[in-house]
Amino acid sequence: MKKTTYLAALVVAAVSFFGAPAFAQTRAMLDSVPKMTIDGLKAQLGNPDFIIIDVRLAHDWEESKTKIKGAIREDFEKASSWVDKYPKEKTIVFYCK
């Protein structure tokens, strides 16, 4: 699931540098990232092999009344500074708007 953050940035870069064909290819990669339902997420809460990272924009997170218990708030725009601190053998779910 860590691909989500990188792929979102890749979409912007692809369109900027390579145009629509690269965007279509990147969009296909995003579509292949597994999605999780609310019930699926609830079933995993408390699982030590499961990490939830809230990557909503700061103002969206601050204004939200909905926060997932146990989720870690990270700035997706600074992913390169924090992505390596999470174990690769864990399941990581990114929560976004």
PDB file of N, CA and C in Angstrom:
ATOM      1  N   MET A   1       0.808  -1.193   0.000  1.00  0.00           N
ATOM      2  CA  MET A   1       0.000   0.000   0.000  1.00  0.00           C
ATOM      3  C   MET A   1       0.858   1.267   0.000  1.00  0.00           C
ATOM      4  N   LYS A   2       2.107   1.163   0.333  1.00  0.00           N
ATOM      5  CA  LYS A   2       2.964   2.331   0.342  1.00  0.00           C
ATOM      6  C   LYS A   2       3.047   2.960  -1.036  1.00  0.00           C
ATOM      7  N   LYS A   3       2.706   2.203  -2.057  1.00  0.00           N
ATOM      8  CA  LYS A   3       2.754   2.708  -3.418  1.00  0.00           C
ATOM      9  C   LYS A   3       1.824   3.897  -3.608  1.00  0.00           C
ATOM     10  N   THR A   4       0.758   3.997  -2.809  1.00  0.00           N
ATOM     11  CA  THR A   4      -0.236   5.042  -2.991  1.00  0.00           C
ATOM     12  C   THR A   4       0.387   6.426  -2.952  1.00  0.00           C
ATOM     13  N   THR A   5       1.198   6.690  -1.938  1.00  0.00           N
ATOM     14  CA  THR A   5       1.804   8.009  -1.812  1.00  0.00           C
ATOM     15  C   THR A   5       2.697   8.299  -2.997  1.00  0.00           C
ATOM     16  N   TYR A   6       3.538   7.345  -3.339  1.00  0.00           N
ATOM     17  CA  TYR A   6       4.449   7.547  -4.450  1.00  0.00           C
ATOM     18  C   TYR A   6       3.697   7.667  -5.769  1.00  0.00           C
ATOM     19  N   LEU A   7       2.649   6.885  -5.936  1.00  0.00           N
ATOM     20  CA  LEU A   7       1.910   6.920  -7.184  1.00  0.00           C
ATOM     21  C   LEU A   7       1.151   8.226  -7.351  1.00  0.00           C
ATOM     22  N   ALA A   8       0.651   8.788  -6.250  1.00  0.00           N
ATOM     23  CA  ALA A   8      -0.033  10.075  -6.352  1.00  0.00           C
ATOM     24  C   ALA A   8       0.931  11.148  -6.845  1.00  0.00           C
ATOM     25  N   ALA A   9       2.139  11.153  -6.308  1.00  0.00           N
ATOM     26  CA  ALA A   9       3.144  12.111  -6.764  1.00  0.00           C
ATOM     27  C   ALA A   9       3.547  11.813  -8.195  1.00  0.00           C
ATOM     28  N   LEU A  10       3.594  10.559  -8.542  1.00  0.00           N
ATOM     29  CA  LEU A  10       3.966  10.153  -9.889  1.00  0.00           C
ATOM     30  C   LEU A  10       2.947  10.623 -10.916  1.00  0.00           C
ATOM     31  N   VAL A  11       1.682  10.656 -10.541  1.00  0.00           N
ATOM     32  CA  VAL A  11       0.647  11.138 -11.453  1.00  0.00           C
ATOM     33  C   VAL A  11       0.931  12.577 -11.849  1.00  0.00           C
ATOM     34  N   VAL A  12       1.229  13.409 -10.857  1.00  0.00           N
ATOM     35  CA  VAL A  12       1.518  14.811 -11.136  1.00  0.00           C
ATOM     36  C   VAL A  12       2.754  14.936 -12.023  1.00  0.00           C
ATOM     37  N   ALA A  13       3.806  14.210 -11.670  1.00  0.00           N
ATOM     38  CA  ALA A  13       5.040  14.274 -12.450  1.00  0.00           C
ATOM     39  C   ALA A  13       4.822  13.755 -13.866  1.00  0.00           C
ATOM     40  N   ALA A  14       4.088  12.686 -14.005  1.00  0.00           N
ATOM     41  CA  ALA A  14       3.875  12.086 -15.323  1.00  0.00           C
ATOM     42  C   ALA A  14       3.141  13.041 -16.256  1.00  0.00           C
ATOM     43  N   VAL A  15       2.102  13.670 -15.750  1.00  0.00           N
ATOM     44  CA  VAL A  15       1.341  14.589 -16.589  1.00  0.00           C
ATOM     45  C   VAL A  15       2.195  15.800 -16.944  1.00  0.00           C
ATOM     46  N   SER A  16       2.958  16.299 -15.965  1.00  0.00           N
ATOM     47  CA  SER A  16       3.787  17.482 -16.197  1.00  0.00           C
ATOM     48  C   SER A  16       4.879  17.234 -17.236  1.00  0.00           C
ATOM     49  N   PHE A  17       5.534  16.095 -17.145  1.00  0.00           N
ATOM     50  CA  PHE A  17       6.707  15.846 -17.994  1.00  0.00           C
ATOM     51  C   PHE A  17       6.420  15.034 -19.253  1.00  0.00           C
ATOM     52  N   PHE A  18       5.457  14.115 -19.161  1.00  0.00           N
ATOM     53  CA  PHE A  18       5.278  13.188 -20.274  1.00  0.00           C
ATOM     54  C   PHE A  18       3.908  13.264 -20.940  1.00  0.00           C
ATOM     55  N   GLY A  19       2.991  14.016 -20.386  1.00  0.00           N
ATOM     56  CA  GLY A  19       1.686  14.193 -21.008  1.00  0.00           C
ATOM     57  C   GLY A  19       0.686  13.102 -20.686  1.00  0.00           C
ATOM     58  N   ALA A  20      -0.404  13.095 -21.429  1.00  0.00           N
ATOM     59  CA  ALA A  20      -1.543  12.220 -21.175  1.00  0.00           C
ATOM     60  C   ALA A  20      -1.229  10.723 -21.230  1.00  0.00           C
ATOM     61  N   PRO A  21      -0.393  10.225 -22.162  1.00  0.00           N
ATOM     62  CA  PRO A  21      -0.129   8.784 -22.168  1.00  0.00           C
ATOM     63  C   PRO A  21       0.479   8.287 -20.852  1.00  0.00           C
ATOM     64  N   ALA A  22       1.392   9.061 -20.294  1.00  0.00           N
ATOM     65  CA  ALA A  22       1.993   8.667 -19.017  1.00  0.00           C
ATOM     66  C   ALA A  22       0.957   8.717 -17.903  1.00  0.00           C
ATOM     67  N   PHE A  23       0.045   9.692 -17.967  1.00  0.00           N
ATOM     68  CA  PHE A  23      -1.010   9.783 -16.973  1.00  0.00           C
ATOM     69  C   PHE A  23      -1.878   8.532 -17.020  1.00  0.00           C
ATOM     70  N   ALA A  24      -2.227   8.087 -18.202  1.00  0.00           N
ATOM     71  CA  ALA A  24      -3.068   6.898 -18.338  1.00  0.00           C
ATOM     72  C   ALA A  24      -2.375   5.673 -17.748  1.00  0.00           C
ATOM     73  N   GLN A  25      -1.091   5.536 -17.990  1.00  0.00           N
ATOM     74  CA  GLN A  25      -0.338   4.404 -17.447  1.00  0.00           C
ATOM     75  C   GLN A  25      -0.268   4.495 -15.923  1.00  0.00           C
ATOM     76  N   THR A  26      -0.024   5.684 -15.403  1.00  0.00           N
ATOM     77  CA  THR A  26       0.055   5.871 -13.957  1.00  0.00           C
ATOM     78  C   THR A  26      -1.306   5.619 -13.323  1.00  0.00           C
ATOM     79  N   ARG A  27      -2.351   6.060 -13.959  1.00  0.00           N
ATOM     80  CA  ARG A  27      -3.715   5.830 -13.456  1.00  0.00           C
ATOM     81  C   ARG A  27      -3.997   4.331 -13.379  1.00  0.00           C
ATOM     82  N   ALA A  28      -3.540   3.590 -14.351  1.00  0.00           N
ATOM     83  CA  ALA A  28      -3.716   2.139 -14.337  1.00  0.00           C
ATOM     84  C   ALA A  28      -2.999   1.529 -13.134  1.00  0.00           C
ATOM     85  N   MET A  29      -1.809   2.036 -12.802  1.00  0.00           N
ATOM     86  CA  MET A  29      -1.088   1.542 -11.629  1.00  0.00           C
ATOM     87  C   MET A  29      -1.863   1.865 -10.355  1.00  0.00           C
ATOM     88  N   LEU A  30      -2.419   3.080 -10.264  1.00  0.00           N
ATOM     89  CA  LEU A  30      -3.208   3.458  -9.095  1.00  0.00           C
ATOM     90  C   LEU A  30      -4.425   2.560  -8.942  1.00  0.00           C
ATOM     91  N   ASP A  31      -5.054   2.242 -10.051  1.00  0.00           N
ATOM     92  CA  ASP A  31      -6.229   1.381 -10.012  1.00  0.00           C
ATOM     93  C   ASP A  31      -5.888  -0.023  -9.527  1.00  0.00           C
ATOM     94  N   SER A  32      -4.632  -0.429  -9.683  1.00  0.00           N
ATOM     95  CA  SER A  32      -4.242  -1.777  -9.261  1.00  0.00           C
ATOM     96  C   SER A  32      -3.912  -1.856  -7.763  1.00  0.00           C
ATOM     97  N   VAL A  33      -3.812  -0.707  -7.091  1.00  0.00           N
ATOM     98  CA  VAL A  33      -3.524  -0.709  -5.655  1.00  0.00           C
ATOM     99  C   VAL A  33      -4.767  -1.217  -4.933  1.00  0.00           C
ATOM    100  N   PRO A  34      -4.611  -2.208  -4.055  1.00  0.00           N
ATOM    101  CA  PRO A  34      -5.784  -2.752  -3.347  1.00  0.00           C
ATOM    102  C   PRO A  34      -6.495  -1.684  -2.518  1.00  0.00           C
ATOM    103  N   LYS A  35      -7.802  -1.740  -2.505  1.00  0.00           N
ATOM    104  CA  LYS A  35      -8.625  -0.833  -1.709  1.00  0.00           C
ATOM    105  C   LYS A  35      -9.208  -1.637  -0.537  1.00  0.00           C
ATOM    106  N   MET A  36      -9.605  -0.938   0.511  1.00  0.00           N
ATOM    107  CA  MET A  36     -10.158  -1.599   1.683  1.00  0.00           C
ATOM    108  C   MET A  36     -11.485  -0.956   2.044  1.00  0.00           C
ATOM    109  N   THR A  37     -12.453  -1.770   2.424  1.00  0.00           N
ATOM    110  CA  THR A  37     -13.744  -1.255   2.863  1.00  0.00           C
ATOM    111  C   THR A  37     -13.646  -0.815   4.324  1.00  0.00           C
ATOM    112  N   ILE A  38     -14.630  -0.069   4.762  1.00  0.00           N
ATOM    113  CA  ILE A  38     -14.692   0.338   6.170  1.00  0.00           C
ATOM    114  C   ILE A  38     -14.768  -0.888   7.067  1.00  0.00           C
ATOM    115  N   ASP A  39     -15.588  -1.856   6.687  1.00  0.00           N
ATOM    116  CA  ASP A  39     -15.703  -3.077   7.495  1.00  0.00           C
ATOM    117  C   ASP A  39     -14.386  -3.845   7.535  1.00  0.00           C
ATOM    118  N   GLY A  40     -13.688  -3.882   6.403  1.00  0.00           N
ATOM    119  CA  GLY A  40     -12.387  -4.544   6.366  1.00  0.00           C
ATOM    120  C   GLY A  40     -11.385  -3.856   7.271  1.00  0.00           C
ATOM    121  N   LEU A  41     -11.428  -2.540   7.282  1.00  0.00           N
ATOM    122  CA  LEU A  41     -10.547  -1.759   8.147  1.00  0.00           C
ATOM    123  C   LEU A  41     -10.889  -1.998   9.614  1.00  0.00           C
ATOM    124  N   LYS A  42     -12.168  -1.946   9.940  1.00  0.00           N
ATOM    125  CA  LYS A  42     -12.596  -2.176  11.330  1.00  0.00           C
ATOM    126  C   LYS A  42     -12.139  -3.539  11.825  1.00  0.00           C
ATOM    127  N   ALA A  43     -12.185  -4.525  10.958  1.00  0.00           N
ATOM    128  CA  ALA A  43     -11.792  -5.882  11.343  1.00  0.00           C
ATOM    129  C   ALA A  43     -10.309  -5.978  11.676  1.00  0.00           C
ATOM    130  N   GLN A  44      -9.506  -5.058  11.165  1.00  0.00           N
ATOM    131  CA  GLN A  44      -8.061  -5.115  11.376  1.00  0.00           C
ATOM    132  C   GLN A  44      -7.570  -4.196  12.509  1.00  0.00           C
ATOM    133  N   LEU A  45      -8.454  -3.351  13.038  1.00  0.00           N
ATOM    134  CA  LEU A  45      -8.046  -2.443  14.108  1.00  0.00           C
ATOM    135  C   LEU A  45      -7.496  -3.248  15.278  1.00  0.00           C
ATOM    136  N   GLY A  46      -6.349  -2.845  15.764  1.00  0.00           N
ATOM    137  CA  GLY A  46      -5.711  -3.544  16.873  1.00  0.00           C
ATOM    138  C   GLY A  46      -4.768  -4.650  16.444  1.00  0.00           C
ATOM    139  N   ASN A  47      -4.760  -4.994  15.173  1.00  0.00           N
ATOM    140  CA  ASN A  47      -3.860  -6.020  14.654  1.00  0.00           C
ATOM    141  C   ASN A  47      -2.443  -5.437  14.621  1.00  0.00           C
ATOM    142  N   PRO A  48      -1.482  -6.048  15.341  1.00  0.00           N
ATOM    143  CA  PRO A  48      -0.129  -5.491  15.390  1.00  0.00           C
ATOM    144  C   PRO A  48       0.621  -5.538  14.051  1.00  0.00           C
ATOM    145  N   ASP A  49       0.133  -6.305  13.103  1.00  0.00           N
ATOM    146  CA  ASP A  49       0.780  -6.381  11.788  1.00  0.00           C
ATOM    147  C   ASP A  49       0.157  -5.418  10.781  1.00  0.00           C
ATOM    148  N   PHE A  50      -0.620  -4.507  11.272  1.00  0.00           N
ATOM    149  CA  PHE A  50      -1.427  -3.618  10.442  1.00  0.00           C
ATOM    150  C   PHE A  50      -1.176  -2.185  10.886  1.00  0.00           C
ATOM    151  N   ILE A  51      -0.737  -1.313   9.984  1.00  0.00           N
ATOM    152  CA  ILE A  51      -0.452   0.086  10.311  1.00  0.00           C
ATOM    153  C   ILE A  51      -1.358   0.969   9.463  1.00  0.00           C
ATOM    154  N   ILE A  52      -2.041   1.898  10.122  1.00  0.00           N
ATOM    155  CA  ILE A  52      -2.901   2.850   9.416  1.00  0.00           C
ATOM    156  C   ILE A  52      -2.209   4.208   9.466  1.00  0.00           C
ATOM    157  N   ILE A  53      -1.982   4.783   8.302  1.00  0.00           N
ATOM    158  CA  ILE A  53      -1.350   6.088   8.210  1.00  0.00           C
ATOM    159  C   ILE A  53      -2.342   7.060   7.584  1.00  0.00           C
ATOM    160  N   ASP A  54      -2.669   8.101   8.333  1.00  0.00           N
ATOM    161  CA  ASP A  54      -3.598   9.130   7.873  1.00  0.00           C
ATOM    162  C   ASP A  54      -2.791  10.176   7.111  1.00  0.00           C
ATOM    163  N   VAL A  55      -2.991  10.246   5.816  1.00  0.00           N
ATOM    164  CA  VAL A  55      -2.223  11.165   4.968  1.00  0.00           C
ATOM    165  C   VAL A  55      -3.081  12.301   4.405  1.00  0.00           C
ATOM    166  N   ARG A  56      -4.182  12.581   5.095  1.00  0.00           N
ATOM    167  CA  ARG A  56      -4.998  13.712   4.652  1.00  0.00           C
ATOM    168  C   ARG A  56      -4.212  15.012   4.813  1.00  0.00           C
ATOM    169  N   LEU A  57      -4.566  16.006   4.020  1.00  0.00           N
ATOM    170  CA  LEU A  57      -3.957  17.318   4.169  1.00  0.00           C
ATOM    171  C   LEU A  57      -4.179  17.804   5.596  1.00  0.00           C
ATOM    172  N   ALA A  58      -3.241  18.578   6.108  1.00  0.00           N
ATOM    173  CA  ALA A  58      -3.288  19.022   7.501  1.00  0.00           C
ATOM    174  C   ALA A  58      -4.622  19.674   7.852  1.00  0.00           C
ATOM    175  N   HIS A  59      -5.110  20.569   7.006  1.00  0.00           N
ATOM    176  CA  HIS A  59      -6.368  21.252   7.338  1.00  0.00           C
ATOM    177  C   HIS A  59      -7.556  20.299   7.285  1.00  0.00           C
ATOM    178  N   ASP A  60      -7.527  19.315   6.389  1.00  0.00           N
ATOM    179  CA  ASP A  60      -8.599  18.312   6.352  1.00  0.00           C
ATOM    180  C   ASP A  60      -8.587  17.466   7.624  1.00  0.00           C
ATOM    181  N   TRP A  61      -7.398  17.088   8.056  1.00  0.00           N
ATOM    182  CA  TRP A  61      -7.260  16.277   9.267  1.00  0.00           C
ATOM    183  C   TRP A  61      -7.694  17.073  10.496  1.00  0.00           C
ATOM    184  N   GLU A  62      -7.232  18.320  10.586  1.00  0.00           N
ATOM    185  CA  GLU A  62      -7.562  19.151  11.745  1.00  0.00           C
ATOM    186  C   GLU A  62      -9.051  19.441  11.851  1.00  0.00           C
ATOM    187  N   GLU A  63      -9.703  19.659  10.725  1.00  0.00           N
ATOM    188  CA  GLU A  63     -11.125  19.995  10.721  1.00  0.00           C
ATOM    189  C   GLU A  63     -12.034  18.776  10.819  1.00  0.00           C
ATOM    190  N   SER A  64     -11.487  17.604  10.649  1.00  0.00           N
ATOM    191  CA  SER A  64     -12.285  16.386  10.644  1.00  0.00           C
ATOM    192  C   SER A  64     -12.697  15.960  12.044  1.00  0.00           C
ATOM    193  N   LYS A  65     -13.929  15.509  12.153  1.00  0.00           N
ATOM    194  CA  LYS A  65     -14.407  14.919  13.405  1.00  0.00           C
ATOM    195  C   LYS A  65     -14.166  13.419  13.401  1.00  0.00           C
ATOM    196  N   THR A  66     -13.733  12.907  12.259  1.00  0.00           N
ATOM    197  CA  THR A  66     -13.494  11.485  12.112  1.00  0.00           C
ATOM    198  C   THR A  66     -12.002  11.209  12.063  1.00  0.00           C
ATOM    199  N   LYS A  67     -11.529  10.534  13.082  1.00  0.00           N
ATOM    200  CA  LYS A  67     -10.136  10.112  13.127  1.00  0.00           C
ATOM    201  C   LYS A  67     -10.131   8.646  13.540  1.00  0.00           C
ATOM    202  N   ILE A  68      -9.292   7.866  12.907  1.00  0.00           N
ATOM    203  CA  ILE A  68      -9.228   6.436  13.192  1.00  0.00           C
ATOM    204  C   ILE A  68      -8.328   6.215  14.397  1.00  0.00           C
ATOM    205  N   LYS A  69      -8.875   5.564  15.410  1.00  0.00           N
ATOM    206  CA  LYS A  69      -8.101   5.281  16.613  1.00  0.00           C
ATOM    207  C   LYS A  69      -6.886   4.431  16.249  1.00  0.00           C
ATOM    208  N   GLY A  70      -5.723   4.901  16.666  1.00  0.00           N
ATOM    209  CA  GLY A  70      -4.484   4.175  16.400  1.00  0.00           C
ATOM    210  C   GLY A  70      -3.792   4.573  15.110  1.00  0.00           C
ATOM    211  N   ALA A  71      -4.457   5.396  14.289  1.00  0.00           N
ATOM    212  CA  ALA A  71      -3.831   5.834  13.036  1.00  0.00           C
ATOM    213  C   ALA A  71      -2.707   6.825  13.335  1.00  0.00           C
ATOM    214  N   ILE A  72      -1.712   6.799  12.488  1.00  0.00           N
ATOM    215  CA  ILE A  72      -0.568   7.696  12.607  1.00  0.00           C
ATOM    216  C   ILE A  72      -0.730   8.785  11.559  1.00  0.00           C
ATOM    217  N   ARG A  73      -0.623  10.023  11.962  1.00  0.00           N
ATOM    218  CA  ARG A  73      -0.741  11.148  11.025  1.00  0.00           C
ATOM    219  C   ARG A  73       0.627  11.440  10.427  1.00  0.00           C
ATOM    220  N   GLU A  74       0.692  11.438   9.100  1.00  0.00           N
ATOM    221  CA  GLU A  74       1.925  11.765   8.375  1.00  0.00           C
ATOM    222  C   GLU A  74       1.570  12.705   7.225  1.00  0.00           C
ATOM    223  N   ASP A  75       2.493  13.573   6.881  1.00  0.00           N
ATOM    224  CA  ASP A  75       2.325  14.489   5.760  1.00  0.00           C
ATOM    225  C   ASP A  75       2.753  13.770   4.478  1.00  0.00           C
ATOM    226  N   PHE A  76       1.795  13.519   3.592  1.00  0.00           N
ATOM    227  CA  PHE A  76       2.116  12.774   2.368  1.00  0.00           C
ATOM    228  C   PHE A  76       3.118  13.506   1.496  1.00  0.00           C
ATOM    229  N   GLU A  77       3.156  14.830   1.586  1.00  0.00           N
ATOM    230  CA  GLU A  77       4.096  15.596   0.772  1.00  0.00           C
ATOM    231  C   GLU A  77       5.543  15.417   1.235  1.00  0.00           C
ATOM    232  N   LYS A  78       5.718  14.876   2.435  1.00  0.00           N
ATOM    233  CA  LYS A  78       7.056  14.644   2.984  1.00  0.00           C
ATOM    234  C   LYS A  78       7.321  13.152   3.158  1.00  0.00           C
ATOM    235  N   ALA A  79       6.678  12.345   2.345  1.00  0.00           N
ATOM    236  CA  ALA A  79       6.772  10.886   2.478  1.00  0.00           C
ATOM    237  C   ALA A  79       8.207  10.379   2.454  1.00  0.00           C
ATOM    238  N   SER A  80       9.050  11.006   1.685  1.00  0.00           N
ATOM    239  CA  SER A  80      10.432  10.526   1.607  1.00  0.00           C
ATOM    240  C   SER A  80      11.146  10.616   2.954  1.00  0.00           C
ATOM    241  N   SER A  81      10.658  11.469   3.846  1.00  0.00           N
ATOM    242  CA  SER A  81      11.301  11.608   5.153  1.00  0.00           C
ATOM    243  C   SER A  81      10.791  10.608   6.184  1.00  0.00           C
ATOM    244  N   TRP A  82       9.655   9.946   5.917  1.00  0.00           N
ATOM    245  CA  TRP A  82       9.109   9.024   6.913  1.00  0.00           C
ATOM    246  C   TRP A  82       8.813   7.613   6.401  1.00  0.00           C
ATOM    247  N   VAL A  83       8.760   7.413   5.128  1.00  0.00           N
ATOM    248  CA  VAL A  83       8.315   6.121   4.594  1.00  0.00           C
ATOM    249  C   VAL A  83       9.196   4.947   5.039  1.00  0.00           C
ATOM    250  N   ASP A  84      10.487   5.165   5.195  1.00  0.00           N
ATOM    251  CA  ASP A  84      11.389   4.074   5.561  1.00  0.00           C
ATOM    252  C   ASP A  84      11.300   3.661   7.020  1.00  0.00           C
ATOM    253  N   LYS A  85      10.626   4.431   7.854  1.00  0.00           N
ATOM    254  CA  LYS A  85      10.550   4.066   9.270  1.00  0.00           C
ATOM    255  C   LYS A  85       9.503   2.984   9.538  1.00  0.00           C
ATOM    256  N   TYR A  86       8.676   2.678   8.543  1.00  0.00           N
ATOM    257  CA  TYR A  86       7.649   1.659   8.720  1.00  0.00           C
ATOM    258  C   TYR A  86       8.136   0.316   8.175  1.00  0.00           C
ATOM    259  N   PRO A  87       7.955  -0.747   8.956  1.00  0.00           N
ATOM    260  CA  PRO A  87       8.426  -2.073   8.529  1.00  0.00           C
ATOM    261  C   PRO A  87       7.743  -2.531   7.244  1.00  0.00           C
ATOM    262  N   LYS A  88       8.527  -3.009   6.325  1.00  0.00           N
ATOM    263  CA  LYS A  88       7.995  -3.456   5.037  1.00  0.00           C
ATOM    264  C   LYS A  88       7.188  -4.750   5.144  1.00  0.00           C
ATOM    265  N   GLU A  89       7.380  -5.503   6.223  1.00  0.00           N
ATOM    266  CA  GLU A  89       6.634  -6.753   6.388  1.00  0.00           C
ATOM    267  C   GLU A  89       5.230  -6.527   6.970  1.00  0.00           C
ATOM    268  N   LYS A  90       4.917  -5.295   7.339  1.00  0.00           N
ATOM    269  CA  LYS A  90       3.587  -4.968   7.869  1.00  0.00           C
ATOM    270  C   LYS A  90       2.662  -4.575   6.725  1.00  0.00           C
ATOM    271  N   THR A  91       1.365  -4.728   6.969  1.00  0.00           N
ATOM    272  CA  THR A  91       0.370  -4.232   6.036  1.00  0.00           C
ATOM    273  C   THR A  91       0.128  -2.780   6.369  1.00  0.00           C
ATOM    274  N   ILE A  92       0.288  -1.913   5.383  1.00  0.00           N
ATOM    275  CA  ILE A  92       0.118  -0.481   5.609  1.00  0.00           C
ATOM    276  C   ILE A  92      -1.057   0.025   4.796  1.00  0.00           C
ATOM    277  N   VAL A  93      -1.968   0.717   5.505  1.00  0.00           N
ATOM    278  CA  VAL A  93      -3.141   1.294   4.864  1.00  0.00           C
ATOM    279  C   VAL A  93      -3.025   2.805   4.954  1.00  0.00           C
ATOM    280  N   PHE A  94      -3.181   3.470   3.820  1.00  0.00           N
ATOM    281  CA  PHE A  94      -3.175   4.918   3.797  1.00  0.00           C
ATOM    282  C   PHE A  94      -4.611   5.399   3.791  1.00  0.00           C
ATOM    283  N   TYR A  95      -4.910   6.273   4.727  1.00  0.00           N
ATOM    284  CA  TYR A  95      -6.242   6.881   4.823  1.00  0.00           C
ATOM    285  C   TYR A  95      -6.139   8.281   4.255  1.00  0.00           C
ATOM    286  N   CYS A  96      -6.935   8.555   3.245  1.00  0.00           N
ATOM    287  CA  CYS A  96      -6.898   9.880   2.620  1.00  0.00           C
ATOM    288  C   CYS A  96      -8.308  10.359   2.379  1.00  0.00           C
ATOM    289  N   LYS A  97      -8.423  11.587   1.957  1.00  0.00           N
ATOM    290  CA  LYS A  97      -9.724  12.204   1.738  1.00  0.00           C
ATOM    291  C   LYS A  97     -10.367  11.631   0.497  1.00  0.00           C
TER     292      LYS A  97
END
